[in-house]
C-alpha atoms as a PDB file:
ATOM      1  CA  UNK A   1      80.330 101.875  98.736  1.00  0.00           C
ATOM      2  CA  UNK A   2      82.263 100.212  95.997  1.00  0.00           C
ATOM      3  CA  UNK A   3      80.377 102.377  93.458  1.00  0.00           C
ATOM      4  CA  UNK A   4      80.936 105.539  95.554  1.00  0.00           C
ATOM      5  CA  UNK A   5      84.705 104.660  95.555  1.00  0.00           C
ATOM      6  CA  UNK A   6      84.943 104.089  91.992  1.00  0.00           C
ATOM      7  CA  UNK A   7      83.190 107.339  91.230  1.00  0.00           C
ATOM      8  CA  UNK A   8      85.458 109.438  93.773  1.00  0.00           C
ATOM      9  CA  UNK A   9      88.125 111.366  91.927  1.00  0.00           C
ATOM     10  CA  UNK A  10      91.317 110.119  93.476  1.00  0.00           C
ATOM     11  CA  UNK A  11      94.857 111.556  93.668  1.00  0.00           C
ATOM     12  CA  UNK A  12      97.851 109.424  94.136  1.00  0.00           C
ATOM     13  CA  UNK A  13     100.946 110.982  95.970  1.00  0.00           C
ATOM     14  CA  UNK A  14     103.012 107.777  96.970  1.00  0.00           C
ATOM     15  CA  UNK A  15     103.593 105.536  94.016  1.00  0.00           C
ATOM     16  CA  UNK A  16     106.893 103.857  93.106  1.00  0.00           C
ATOM     17  CA  UNK A  17     106.684 103.083  89.212  1.00  0.00           C
ATOM     18  CA  UNK A  18     109.253 100.346  89.544  1.00  0.00           C
ATOM     19  CA  UNK A  19     106.576  98.826  92.169  1.00  0.00           C
ATOM     20  CA  UNK A  20     103.867  98.542  89.408  1.00  0.00           C
ATOM     21  CA  UNK A  21     105.660  95.926  87.599  1.00  0.00           C
ATOM     22  CA  UNK A  22     102.934  93.085  87.613  1.00  0.00           C
ATOM     23  CA  UNK A  23     104.439  89.557  87.199  1.00  0.00           C
ATOM     24  CA  UNK A  24     102.988  89.191  83.689  1.00  0.00           C
ATOM     25  CA  UNK A  25     104.897  92.376  82.442  1.00  0.00           C
ATOM     26  CA  UNK A  26     107.869  91.234  84.495  1.00  0.00           C
ATOM     27  CA  UNK A  27     108.017  88.207  82.286  1.00  0.00           C
ATOM     28  CA  UNK A  28     107.425  89.682  78.997  1.00  0.00           C
ATOM     29  CA  UNK A  29     110.241  92.292  79.604  1.00  0.00           C
ATOM     30  CA  UNK A  30     112.375  89.523  80.625  1.00  0.00           C
ATOM     31  CA  UNK A  31     111.837  87.556  77.467  1.00  0.00           C
ATOM     32  CA  UNK A  32     112.165  90.682  75.293  1.00  0.00           C
ATOM     33  CA  UNK A  33     115.591  91.536  76.817  1.00  0.00           C
ATOM     34  CA  UNK A  34     116.939  87.970  77.114  1.00  0.00           C
ATOM     35  CA  UNK A  35     116.956  88.086  80.890  1.00  0.00           C
ATOM     36  CA  UNK A  36     116.536  84.943  82.766  1.00  0.00           C
ATOM     37  CA  UNK A  37     114.329  85.120  86.003  1.00  0.00           C
ATOM     38  CA  UNK A  38     114.669  82.715  88.957  1.00  0.00           C
ATOM     39  CA  UNK A  39     111.021  81.672  88.760  1.00  0.00           C
ATOM     40  CA  UNK A  40     109.663  79.042  86.464  1.00  0.00           C
ATOM     41  CA  UNK A  41     106.441  81.079  85.632  1.00  0.00           C
ATOM     42  CA  UNK A  42     104.129  83.837  86.846  1.00  0.00           C
ATOM     43  CA  UNK A  43     102.493  81.617  89.450  1.00  0.00           C
ATOM     44  CA  UNK A  44     105.842  80.729  90.960  1.00  0.00           C
ATOM     45  CA  UNK A  45     106.749  84.380  90.967  1.00  0.00           C
ATOM     46  CA  UNK A  46     103.539  85.283  92.895  1.00  0.00           C
ATOM     47  CA  UNK A  47     104.250  82.920  95.498  1.00  0.00           C
ATOM     48  CA  UNK A  48     107.305  85.094  96.557  1.00  0.00           C
ATOM     49  CA  UNK A  49     104.890  87.862  97.187  1.00  0.00           C
ATOM     50  CA  UNK A  50     104.719  86.847 100.948  1.00  0.00           C
ATOM     51  CA  UNK A  51     106.696  89.387 102.630  1.00  0.00           C
ATOM     52  CA  UNK A  52     107.578  89.523 106.306  1.00  0.00           C
ATOM     53  CA  UNK A  53     109.157  93.201 106.413  1.00  0.00           C
ATOM     54  CA  UNK A  54     110.243  96.058 104.172  1.00  0.00           C
ATOM     55  CA  UNK A  55     113.613  94.295 103.380  1.00  0.00           C
ATOM     56  CA  UNK A  56     112.201  91.098 102.272  1.00  0.00           C
ATOM     57  CA  UNK A  57     110.141  93.090  99.749  1.00  0.00           C
ATOM     58  CA  UNK A  58     113.032  95.308  98.563  1.00  0.00           C
ATOM     59  CA  UNK A  59     115.155  92.319  97.745  1.00  0.00           C
ATOM     60  CA  UNK A  60     112.419  91.031  95.157  1.00  0.00           C
ATOM     61  CA  UNK A  61     111.721  94.674  94.069  1.00  0.00           C
ATOM     62  CA  UNK A  62     115.413  95.308  93.025  1.00  0.00           C
ATOM     63  CA  UNK A  63     115.607  91.909  91.470  1.00  0.00           C
ATOM     64  CA  UNK A  64     112.413  92.793  89.294  1.00  0.00           C
ATOM     65  CA  UNK A  65     113.809  96.088  88.218  1.00  0.00           C
ATOM     66  CA  UNK A  66     116.509  94.293  86.385  1.00  0.00           C
ATOM     67  CA  UNK A  67     114.291  93.616  83.516  1.00  0.00           C
ATOM     68  CA  UNK A  68     113.867  97.237  82.522  1.00  0.00           C
ATOM     69  CA  UNK A  69     116.335  98.004  80.217  1.00  0.00           C
ATOM     70  CA  UNK A  70     115.120 100.214  77.258  1.00  0.00           C
ATOM     71  CA  UNK A  71     113.121 103.318  76.989  1.00  0.00           C
ATOM     72  CA  UNK A  72     110.379 101.238  75.724  1.00  0.00           C
ATOM     73  CA  UNK A  73     110.347  99.254  78.888  1.00  0.00           C
ATOM     74  CA  UNK A  74     110.026 102.277  80.832  1.00  0.00           C
ATOM     75  CA  UNK A  75     107.307 103.490  78.740  1.00  0.00           C
ATOM     76  CA  UNK A  76     105.379 100.123  78.939  1.00  0.00           C
ATOM     77  CA  UNK A  77     105.779 100.047  82.896  1.00  0.00           C
ATOM     78  CA  UNK A  78     104.491 103.656  83.261  1.00  0.00           C
ATOM     79  CA  UNK A  79     101.563 103.163  80.645  1.00  0.00           C
ATOM     80  CA  UNK A  80     100.218  99.902  82.577  1.00  0.00           C
ATOM     81  CA  UNK A  81     100.081 101.782  85.480  1.00  0.00           C
ATOM     82  CA  UNK A  82      98.388 104.796  83.876  1.00  0.00           C
ATOM     83  CA  UNK A  83      95.706 102.420  82.195  1.00  0.00           C
ATOM     84  CA  UNK A  84      94.857 101.415  85.876  1.00  0.00           C
ATOM     85  CA  UNK A  85      94.632 105.001  86.889  1.00  0.00           C
ATOM     86  CA  UNK A  86      92.133 105.709  84.294  1.00  0.00           C
ATOM     87  CA  UNK A  87      90.037 102.456  85.038  1.00  0.00           C
ATOM     88  CA  UNK A  88      90.051 103.561  88.586  1.00  0.00           C
ATOM     89  CA  UNK A  89      89.427 107.462  88.161  1.00  0.00           C
ATOM     90  CA  UNK A  90      92.848 108.514  89.382  1.00  0.00           C
ATOM     91  CA  UNK A  91      92.997 111.957  87.902  1.00  0.00           C
ATOM     92  CA  UNK A  92      96.511 113.055  89.084  1.00  0.00           C
ATOM     93  CA  UNK A  93      99.419 111.092  90.373  1.00  0.00           C
ATOM     94  CA  UNK A  94     102.826 112.085  91.724  1.00  0.00           C
ATOM     95  CA  UNK A  95     105.212 109.356  90.588  1.00  0.00           C
ATOM     96  CA  UNK A  96     108.451 108.197  92.308  1.00  0.00           C
ATOM     97  CA  UNK A  97     111.164 106.770  90.474  1.00  0.00           C
ATOM     98  CA  UNK A  98     114.607 105.214  91.651  1.00  0.00           C
ATOM     99  CA  UNK A  99     117.216 106.086  89.132  1.00  0.00           C
ATOM    100  CA  UNK A 100     120.185 104.784  91.099  1.00  0.00           C
ATOM    101  CA  UNK A 101     118.653 101.163  90.857  1.00  0.00           C
ATOM    102  CA  UNK A 102     118.971 101.536  87.053  1.00  0.00           C
ATOM    103  CA  UNK A 103     122.229 103.636  86.772  1.00  0.00           C
ATOM    104  CA  UNK A 104     124.124 101.000  88.646  1.00  0.00           C
ATOM    105  CA  UNK A 105     123.036  98.441  85.757  1.00  0.00           C
ATOM    106  CA  UNK A 106     124.468 101.038  83.076  1.00  0.00           C
ATOM    107  CA  UNK A 107     121.083 102.469  82.134  1.00  0.00           C
ATOM    108  CA  UNK A 108     121.214 106.035  81.384  1.00  0.00           C
ATOM    109  CA  UNK A 109     119.206 108.652  83.163  1.00  0.00           C
ATOM    110  CA  UNK A 110     117.665 109.843  79.856  1.00  0.00           C
ATOM    111  CA  UNK A 111     116.497 106.528  78.935  1.00  0.00           C
ATOM    112  CA  UNK A 112     114.639 106.121  82.375  1.00  0.00           C
ATOM    113  CA  UNK A 113     113.179 109.801  82.350  1.00  0.00           C
ATOM    114  CA  UNK A 114     112.257 109.457  78.786  1.00  0.00           C
ATOM    115  CA  UNK A 115     110.393 106.457  78.756  1.00  0.00           C
ATOM    116  CA  UNK A 116     108.469 107.390  81.970  1.00  0.00           C
ATOM    117  CA  UNK A 117     107.367 110.869  80.933  1.00  0.00           C
ATOM    118  CA  UNK A 118     106.478 109.986  77.373  1.00  0.00           C
ATOM    119  CA  UNK A 119     103.842 107.540  78.969  1.00  0.00           C
ATOM    120  CA  UNK A 120     102.871 110.515  81.500  1.00  0.00           C
ATOM    121  CA  UNK A 121     102.564 112.961  78.669  1.00  0.00           C
ATOM    122  CA  UNK A 122     100.382 110.524  76.725  1.00  0.00           C
ATOM    123  CA  UNK A 123      98.037 109.820  79.535  1.00  0.00           C
ATOM    124  CA  UNK A 124      97.358 113.414  79.985  1.00  0.00           C
ATOM    125  CA  UNK A 125      96.792 114.151  76.271  1.00  0.00           C
ATOM    126  CA  UNK A 126      94.358 111.169  76.196  1.00  0.00           C
ATOM    127  CA  UNK A 127      92.766 110.868  79.361  1.00  0.00           C
ATOM    128  CA  UNK A 128      93.652 114.251  81.206  1.00  0.00           C
ATOM    129  CA  UNK A 129      95.512 112.526  83.906  1.00  0.00           C
ATOM    130  CA  UNK A 130      97.914 115.054  85.191  1.00  0.00           C
ATOM    131  CA  UNK A 131     101.195 114.199  86.921  1.00  0.00           C
ATOM    132  CA  UNK A 132     104.456 115.056  88.493  1.00  0.00           C
ATOM    133  CA  UNK A 133     107.718 113.111  88.614  1.00  0.00           C
ATOM    134  CA  UNK A 134     109.893 112.643  91.822  1.00  0.00           C
ATOM    135  CA  UNK A 135     113.282 111.625  91.822  1.00  0.00           C
ATOM    136  CA  UNK A 136     113.935 109.300  94.882  1.00  0.00           C
ATOM    137  CA  UNK A 137     117.292 108.777  96.612  1.00  0.00           C
ATOM    138  CA  UNK A 138     118.225 105.322  97.820  1.00  0.00           C
ATOM    139  CA  UNK A 139     118.780 105.606 101.425  1.00  0.00           C
ATOM    140  CA  UNK A 140     120.801 102.473 101.927  1.00  0.00           C
ATOM    141  CA  UNK A 141     123.452 104.171  99.747  1.00  0.00           C
ATOM    142  CA  UNK A 142     125.864 107.114 100.484  1.00  0.00           C
ATOM    143  CA  UNK A 143     124.908 110.665 100.262  1.00  0.00           C
ATOM    144  CA  UNK A 144     127.650 110.873  97.949  1.00  0.00           C
ATOM    145  CA  UNK A 145     125.931 108.457  95.555  1.00  0.00           C
ATOM    146  CA  UNK A 146     122.740 110.674  95.817  1.00  0.00           C
ATOM    147  CA  UNK A 147     124.572 113.925  95.001  1.00  0.00           C
ATOM    148  CA  UNK A 148     126.110 112.245  92.128  1.00  0.00           C
ATOM    149  CA  UNK A 149     122.616 110.993  90.997  1.00  0.00           C
ATOM    150  CA  UNK A 150     121.011 114.677  91.291  1.00  0.00           C
ATOM    151  CA  UNK A 151     123.762 116.013  89.352  1.00  0.00           C
ATOM    152  CA  UNK A 152     123.216 113.367  86.525  1.00  0.00           C
ATOM    153  CA  UNK A 153     119.523 114.444  86.467  1.00  0.00           C
ATOM    154  CA  UNK A 154     120.258 118.192  86.018  1.00  0.00           C
ATOM    155  CA  UNK A 155     119.662 117.888  82.216  1.00  0.00           C
ATOM    156  CA  UNK A 156     116.169 116.622  82.725  1.00  0.00           C
ATOM    157  CA  UNK A 157     114.876 118.875  85.429  1.00  0.00           C
ATOM    158  CA  UNK A 158     112.346 120.144  83.052  1.00  0.00           C
ATOM    159  CA  UNK A 159     110.718 116.695  83.633  1.00  0.00           C
ATOM    160  CA  UNK A 160     111.080 116.544  87.289  1.00  0.00           C
ATOM    161  CA  UNK A 161     109.373 118.364  90.124  1.00  0.00           C
ATOM    162  CA  UNK A 162     110.791 117.124  93.052  1.00  0.00           C
ATOM    163  CA  UNK A 163     113.115 114.687  95.100  1.00  0.00           C
ATOM    164  CA  UNK A 164     112.261 112.140  97.597  1.00  0.00           C
ATOM    165  CA  UNK A 165     113.937 109.493  99.866  1.00  0.00           C
ATOM    166  CA  UNK A 166     113.026 105.715  99.961  1.00  0.00           C
ATOM    167  CA  UNK A 167     114.639 102.317 100.464  1.00  0.00           C
ATOM    168  CA  UNK A 168     115.662 100.479 103.814  1.00  0.00           C
ATOM    169  CA  UNK A 169     114.593 102.975 106.449  1.00  0.00           C
ATOM    170  CA  UNK A 170     115.983 101.595 109.728  1.00  0.00           C
ATOM    171  CA  UNK A 171     119.572 102.706 110.322  1.00  0.00           C
ATOM    172  CA  UNK A 172     119.303 105.234 107.458  1.00  0.00           C
ATOM    173  CA  UNK A 173     117.916 108.404 108.999  1.00  0.00           C
ATOM    174  CA  UNK A 174     116.919 111.439 107.103  1.00  0.00           C
ATOM    175  CA  UNK A 175     119.775 113.410 108.638  1.00  0.00           C
ATOM    176  CA  UNK A 176     122.161 111.229 106.390  1.00  0.00           C
ATOM    177  CA  UNK A 177     120.991 113.507 103.309  1.00  0.00           C
ATOM    178  CA  UNK A 178     121.001 116.992 104.406  1.00  0.00           C
ATOM    179  CA  UNK A 179     123.315 118.183 101.930  1.00  0.00           C
ATOM    180  CA  UNK A 180     121.582 116.498  98.934  1.00  0.00           C
ATOM    181  CA  UNK A 181     118.454 117.866  99.947  1.00  0.00           C
ATOM    182  CA  UNK A 182     119.728 121.501 100.275  1.00  0.00           C
ATOM    183  CA  UNK A 183     121.266 121.052  96.748  1.00  0.00           C
ATOM    184  CA  UNK A 184     117.947 120.060  95.428  1.00  0.00           C
ATOM    185  CA  UNK A 185     116.283 123.071  97.117  1.00  0.00           C
ATOM    186  CA  UNK A 186     118.612 125.251  95.521  1.00  0.00           C
ATOM    187  CA  UNK A 187     117.783 123.856  92.058  1.00  0.00           C
ATOM    188  CA  UNK A 188     114.173 124.687  92.686  1.00  0.00           C
ATOM    189  CA  UNK A 189     112.772 121.186  93.482  1.00  0.00           C
ATOM    190  CA  UNK A 190     110.312 120.389  96.183  1.00  0.00           C
ATOM    191  CA  UNK A 191     110.992 117.735  98.527  1.00  0.00           C
ATOM    192  CA  UNK A 192     109.444 114.641 100.340  1.00  0.00           C
ATOM    193  CA  UNK A 193     110.880 111.739 102.140  1.00  0.00           C
ATOM    194  CA  UNK A 194     109.851 108.322 103.415  1.00  0.00           C
ATOM    195  CA  UNK A 195     109.917 108.514 107.412  1.00  0.00           C
ATOM    196  CA  UNK A 196     108.246 106.717 110.199  1.00  0.00           C
ATOM    197  CA  UNK A 197     107.062 103.443 108.283  1.00  0.00           C
ATOM    198  CA  UNK A 198     109.615 101.189 110.018  1.00  0.00           C
ATOM    199  CA  UNK A 199     111.772 103.891 111.426  1.00  0.00           C
ATOM    200  CA  UNK A 200     110.995 105.831 114.508  1.00  0.00           C
ATOM    201  CA  UNK A 201     108.947 108.925 114.817  1.00  0.00           C
ATOM    202  CA  UNK A 202     112.164 110.950 115.289  1.00  0.00           C
ATOM    203  CA  UNK A 203     112.849 110.392 111.637  1.00  0.00           C
ATOM    204  CA  UNK A 204     109.641 112.371 110.821  1.00  0.00           C
ATOM    205  CA  UNK A 205     110.962 115.229 112.971  1.00  0.00           C
ATOM    206  CA  UNK A 206     114.404 115.079 111.227  1.00  0.00           C
ATOM    207  CA  UNK A 207     112.626 114.935 107.734  1.00  0.00           C
ATOM    208  CA  UNK A 208     110.689 118.010 108.394  1.00  0.00           C
ATOM    209  CA  UNK A 209     113.248 120.062 110.090  1.00  0.00           C
ATOM    210  CA  UNK A 210     116.545 118.774 108.600  1.00  0.00           C
ATOM    211  CA  UNK A 211     115.378 118.117 104.956  1.00  0.00           C
ATOM    212  CA  UNK A 212     112.414 120.660 104.866  1.00  0.00           C
ATOM    213  CA  UNK A 213     110.182 118.289 103.173  1.00  0.00           C
ATOM    214  CA  UNK A 214     106.646 119.441 102.489  1.00  0.00           C
ATOM    215  CA  UNK A 215     105.176 116.049 102.874  1.00  0.00           C
ATOM    216  CA  UNK A 216     106.035 112.734 104.672  1.00  0.00           C
ATOM    217  CA  UNK A 217     105.672 109.526 102.945  1.00  0.00           C
ATOM    218  CA  UNK A 218     104.023 106.838 105.204  1.00  0.00           C
ATOM    219  CA  UNK A 219     104.576 108.638 108.550  1.00  0.00           C
ATOM    220  CA  UNK A 220     102.351 105.966 110.572  1.00  0.00           C
ATOM    221  CA  UNK A 221     104.818 105.936 113.468  1.00  0.00           C
ATOM    222  CA  UNK A 222     103.903 109.600 114.216  1.00  0.00           C
ATOM    223  CA  UNK A 223     101.128 108.094 116.583  1.00  0.00           C
ATOM    224  CA  UNK A 224     104.016 107.203 118.943  1.00  0.00           C
ATOM    225  CA  UNK A 225     104.694 110.854 119.513  1.00  0.00           C
ATOM    226  CA  UNK A 226     101.599 113.133 120.595  1.00  0.00           C
ATOM    227  CA  UNK A 227     103.650 116.287 120.166  1.00  0.00           C
ATOM    228  CA  UNK A 228     104.227 115.241 116.461  1.00  0.00           C
ATOM    229  CA  UNK A 229     100.711 114.575 115.954  1.00  0.00           C
ATOM    230  CA  UNK A 230      99.925 118.144 117.195  1.00  0.00           C
ATOM    231  CA  UNK A 231     102.409 119.579 114.909  1.00  0.00           C
ATOM    232  CA  UNK A 232     101.181 117.683 111.885  1.00  0.00           C
ATOM    233  CA  UNK A 233      97.485 118.737 112.570  1.00  0.00           C
ATOM    234  CA  UNK A 234      98.403 122.232 113.293  1.00  0.00           C
ATOM    235  CA  UNK A 235     100.679 122.725 110.279  1.00  0.00           C
ATOM    236  CA  UNK A 236      98.562 120.519 107.927  1.00  0.00           C
ATOM    237  CA  UNK A 237     101.761 118.559 106.968  1.00  0.00           C
ATOM    238  CA  UNK A 238     100.490 115.739 104.799  1.00  0.00           C
ATOM    239  CA  UNK A 239     101.185 112.106 105.338  1.00  0.00           C
ATOM    240  CA  UNK A 240     100.878 109.737 102.254  1.00  0.00           C
ATOM    241  CA  UNK A 241      99.756 106.503 103.891  1.00  0.00           C
ATOM    242  CA  UNK A 242      99.730 103.286 101.909  1.00  0.00           C
ATOM    243  CA  UNK A 243      97.147 100.887 103.912  1.00  0.00           C
ATOM    244  CA  UNK A 244      97.623  97.696 101.820  1.00  0.00           C
ATOM    245  CA  UNK A 245     101.294  98.131 101.859  1.00  0.00           C
ATOM    246  CA  UNK A 246     101.547  98.788 105.721  1.00  0.00           C
ATOM    247  CA  UNK A 247      99.508  95.412 106.273  1.00  0.00           C
ATOM    248  CA  UNK A 248     101.593  93.310 103.562  1.00  0.00           C
ATOM    249  CA  UNK A 249     104.963  94.399 105.190  1.00  0.00           C
ATOM    250  CA  UNK A 250     103.706  93.882 108.659  1.00  0.00           C
ATOM    251  CA  UNK A 251     103.871  97.448 109.671  1.00  0.00           C
ATOM    252  CA  UNK A 252     100.435  96.275 111.098  1.00  0.00           C
ATOM    253  CA  UNK A 253      99.247  92.956 111.676  1.00  0.00           C
ATOM    254  CA  UNK A 254      96.027  93.512 110.121  1.00  0.00           C
ATOM    255  CA  UNK A 255      93.975  96.299 108.154  1.00  0.00           C
ATOM    256  CA  UNK A 256      91.590  96.392 111.227  1.00  0.00           C
ATOM    257  CA  UNK A 257      94.720  97.622 113.317  1.00  0.00           C
ATOM    258  CA  UNK A 258      95.646 100.527 110.984  1.00  0.00           C
ATOM    259  CA  UNK A 259      95.748 104.058 112.433  1.00  0.00           C
ATOM    260  CA  UNK A 260      94.892 105.971 109.365  1.00  0.00           C
ATOM    261  CA  UNK A 261      91.433 106.863 110.493  1.00  0.00           C
ATOM    262  CA  UNK A 262      92.538 107.653 114.035  1.00  0.00           C
ATOM    263  CA  UNK A 263      95.001 110.084 112.354  1.00  0.00           C
ATOM    264  CA  UNK A 264      92.081 111.421 110.261  1.00  0.00           C
ATOM    265  CA  UNK A 265      89.989 112.039 113.475  1.00  0.00           C
ATOM    266  CA  UNK A 266      93.087 114.131 114.985  1.00  0.00           C
ATOM    267  CA  UNK A 267      92.877 116.335 111.960  1.00  0.00           C
ATOM    268  CA  UNK A 268      96.274 115.264 110.342  1.00  0.00           C
ATOM    269  CA  UNK A 269      96.130 115.624 106.572  1.00  0.00           C
ATOM    270  CA  UNK A 270      96.331 111.791 105.913  1.00  0.00           C
ATOM    271  CA  UNK A 271      95.966 110.547 102.127  1.00  0.00           C
ATOM    272  CA  UNK A 272      95.472 107.166 100.719  1.00  0.00           C
ATOM    273  CA  UNK A 273      98.036 105.663  98.103  1.00  0.00           C
ATOM    274  CA  UNK A 274      99.141 102.286  96.654  1.00  0.00           C
ATOM    275  CA  UNK A 275     102.945 102.534  97.331  1.00  0.00           C
ATOM    276  CA  UNK A 276     103.911  99.312  95.310  1.00  0.00           C
ATOM    277  CA  UNK A 277     100.553  98.035  94.152  1.00  0.00           C
ATOM    278  CA  UNK A 278     101.952  95.166  91.993  1.00  0.00           C
ATOM    279  CA  UNK A 279     103.567  93.842  95.046  1.00  0.00           C
ATOM    280  CA  UNK A 280     100.986  94.652  97.692  1.00  0.00           C
ATOM    281  CA  UNK A 281      97.803  93.490  96.240  1.00  0.00           C
ATOM    282  CA  UNK A 282      95.983  96.507  95.106  1.00  0.00           C
ATOM    283  CA  UNK A 283      95.830 100.053  93.556  1.00  0.00           C
ATOM    284  CA  UNK A 284      94.021 102.881  94.575  1.00  0.00           C
ATOM    285  CA  UNK A 285      90.530 101.405  94.334  1.00  0.00           C
ATOM    286  CA  UNK A 286      91.581  98.471  96.560  1.00  0.00           C
ATOM    287  CA  UNK A 287      93.149 100.538  99.087  1.00  0.00           C
ATOM    288  CA  UNK A 288      89.930 102.635  99.559  1.00  0.00           C
ATOM    289  CA  UNK A 289      87.960  99.478  99.525  1.00  0.00           C
ATOM    290  CA  UNK A 290      89.953  98.006 102.259  1.00  0.00           C
ATOM    291  CA  UNK A 291      89.364 100.879 104.454  1.00  0.00           C
ATOM    292  CA  UNK A 292      85.737 100.491 103.866  1.00  0.00           C
ATOM    293  CA  UNK A 293      85.717  96.918 104.646  1.00  0.00           C
ATOM    294  CA  UNK A 294      88.011  96.299 107.419  1.00  0.00           C
ATOM    295  CA  UNK A 295      87.994  99.874 109.177  1.00  0.00           C
ATOM    296  CA  UNK A 296      84.259 100.479 108.407  1.00  0.00           C
ATOM    297  CA  UNK A 297      85.297 103.863 106.923  1.00  0.00           C
ATOM    298  CA  UNK A 298      82.179 105.924 106.208  1.00  0.00           C
ATOM    299  CA  UNK A 299      81.539 107.804 102.795  1.00  0.00           C
ATOM    300  CA  UNK A 300      82.446 110.910 104.492  1.00  0.00           C
ATOM    301  CA  UNK A 301      85.551 109.827 105.739  1.00  0.00           C
ATOM    302  CA  UNK A 302      86.683 108.471 102.313  1.00  0.00           C
ATOM    303  CA  UNK A 303      85.515 111.737 100.873  1.00  0.00           C
ATOM    304  CA  UNK A 304      87.785 113.547 103.324  1.00  0.00           C
ATOM    305  CA  UNK A 305      90.924 111.269 102.466  1.00  0.00           C
ATOM    306  CA  UNK A 306      90.200 112.265  98.985  1.00  0.00           C
ATOM    307  CA  UNK A 307      90.163 115.891  99.688  1.00  0.00           C
ATOM    308  CA  UNK A 308      93.403 115.486 101.682  1.00  0.00           C
ATOM    309  CA  UNK A 309      95.030 113.932  98.330  1.00  0.00           C
ATOM    310  CA  UNK A 310      93.879 117.067  96.201  1.00  0.00           C
ATOM    311  CA  UNK A 311      95.125 119.572  99.004  1.00  0.00           C
ATOM    312  CA  UNK A 312      98.368 117.634  99.368  1.00  0.00           C
ATOM    313  CA  UNK A 313      99.339 117.544  95.708  1.00  0.00           C
ATOM    314  CA  UNK A 314     101.441 119.847  93.586  1.00  0.00           C
ATOM    315  CA  UNK A 315      98.478 120.643  91.243  1.00  0.00           C
ATOM    316  CA  UNK A 316      97.694 124.296  90.182  1.00  0.00           C
ATOM    317  CA  UNK A 317      95.116 125.731  92.610  1.00  0.00           C
ATOM    318  CA  UNK A 318      92.534 126.066  89.955  1.00  0.00           C
ATOM    319  CA  UNK A 319      92.463 122.452  89.161  1.00  0.00           C
ATOM    320  CA  UNK A 320      92.351 121.668  92.867  1.00  0.00           C
ATOM    321  CA  UNK A 321      89.308 124.036  93.298  1.00  0.00           C
ATOM    322  CA  UNK A 322      87.486 122.161  90.423  1.00  0.00           C
ATOM    323  CA  UNK A 323      88.319 118.793  91.908  1.00  0.00           C
ATOM    324  CA  UNK A 324      87.240 119.744  95.462  1.00  0.00           C
ATOM    325  CA  UNK A 325      84.049 120.689  93.873  1.00  0.00           C
ATOM    326  CA  UNK A 326      83.696 117.316  92.202  1.00  0.00           C
ATOM    327  CA  UNK A 327      84.536 115.482  95.478  1.00  0.00           C
ATOM    328  CA  UNK A 328      82.158 117.541  97.681  1.00  0.00           C
ATOM    329  CA  UNK A 329      79.030 117.023  95.479  1.00  0.00           C
ATOM    330  CA  UNK A 330      79.592 113.349  94.646  1.00  0.00           C
ATOM    331  CA  UNK A 331      76.614 111.506  96.244  1.00  0.00           C
END
């Protein structure tokens, strides 16, 4: 099974680039930029990765992002993730980034976008890994702040394919951001949003109907609403599910409780993703392996999850067709 998963062409649609900051790289960048971290060493930092909910993770996530200062830093961060993609046969990735996390520290939008896209371009040239870039708004901040961030990104829209919505979900419904998503659509950007991770199923309805998203990130609370499940299945609205993340953040107590295969059995277009892999114990290979080990997922279920990732992606149709053929013929 491990060999089958390794050979499976994978598409990742829910990946926060700041969440790929491994402890070793965090310390290296802190040293390069003269930043003091509140941890004695890598081992001490690793012990802080014991999260009890989303907010406990986000506190550390934003603290870690402070070491990202220069275009080279953002390149190095992204390149380290893409090396993992190459090793794990991830052939396409749609990467989230959080510009507000950096703009508030005085880091220019061009510095962030330039570093990330330089690495994405190199990976496509060197390994054929294609990619899209998705600008995410931090939902714990105001919509006015999100609108200002979108305006700051306009000079770089040739490098950005979509917008998203992340950060603290509870108390920050998608309906808070209707205007900025309308503005993004007017600029020709696709839209996705985190909904139904810790927030209720009603947030998923809001993301679909008020933000007009084409994919829902996480979406696991959809199981609370049979009518929503029926809509997701009928319209084949993708959910970008993150199994290891969901267990590390206590959305599910253990992997054996996860709903991803139940959703798959109900014809929902669920996909597998790693979310913030440096913090949650695994990249794409490890997420697929966890489903095989703890949920006893079959090869055919894993194959369908991989196919769903291709179908839900923003790749050109010809590339999708070729990848679907590769996945279907894999023994």
